[in-house]
Amino acid sequence: EGMAFELIVGATKILNGRTLLETLTENL
């Protein structure tokens, strides 16, 4: 379960990073 949880957290961070990047790019 620990491994799966880490993968989910990692994927969420990547998705949040992409969303944040897209938001910043749109504002520029």
Protein backbone atom coordinates (compact mmCIF):
# COMPACT_ATOMS: atom_id res chain seq x y z
CA GLU A 1 0.00 0.00 0.00
CA GLY A 2 2.88 2.35 0.77
CA MET A 3 4.26 2.08 -2.76
CA ALA A 4 0.86 2.73 -4.34
CA PHE A 5 0.29 5.71 -2.05
CA GLU A 6 3.65 7.22 -3.02
CA LEU A 7 2.83 6.74 -6.71
CA ILE A 8 -0.52 8.49 -6.25
CA VAL A 9 1.10 11.37 -4.37
CA GLY A 10 3.80 11.67 -7.05
CA ALA A 11 1.22 11.66 -9.85
CA THR A 12 -0.85 14.28 -8.03
CA LYS A 13 2.21 16.52 -7.61
CA ILE A 14 3.00 16.18 -11.33
CA LEU A 15 -0.61 16.97 -12.27
CA ASN A 16 -0.67 19.96 -9.90
CA GLY A 17 2.63 21.16 -11.37
CA ARG A 18 1.26 20.96 -14.90
CA THR A 19 -1.92 22.76 -13.90
CA LEU A 20 0.11 25.45 -12.15
CA LEU A 21 2.36 25.82 -15.21
CA GLU A 22 -0.65 26.09 -17.52
CA THR A 23 -2.24 28.72 -15.28
CA LEU A 24 0.96 30.79 -15.17
CA THR A 25 1.40 30.51 -18.95
CA GLU A 26 -2.20 31.61 -19.56
CA ASN A 27 -1.75 34.63 -17.27
CA LEU A 28 1.38 35.68 -19.19
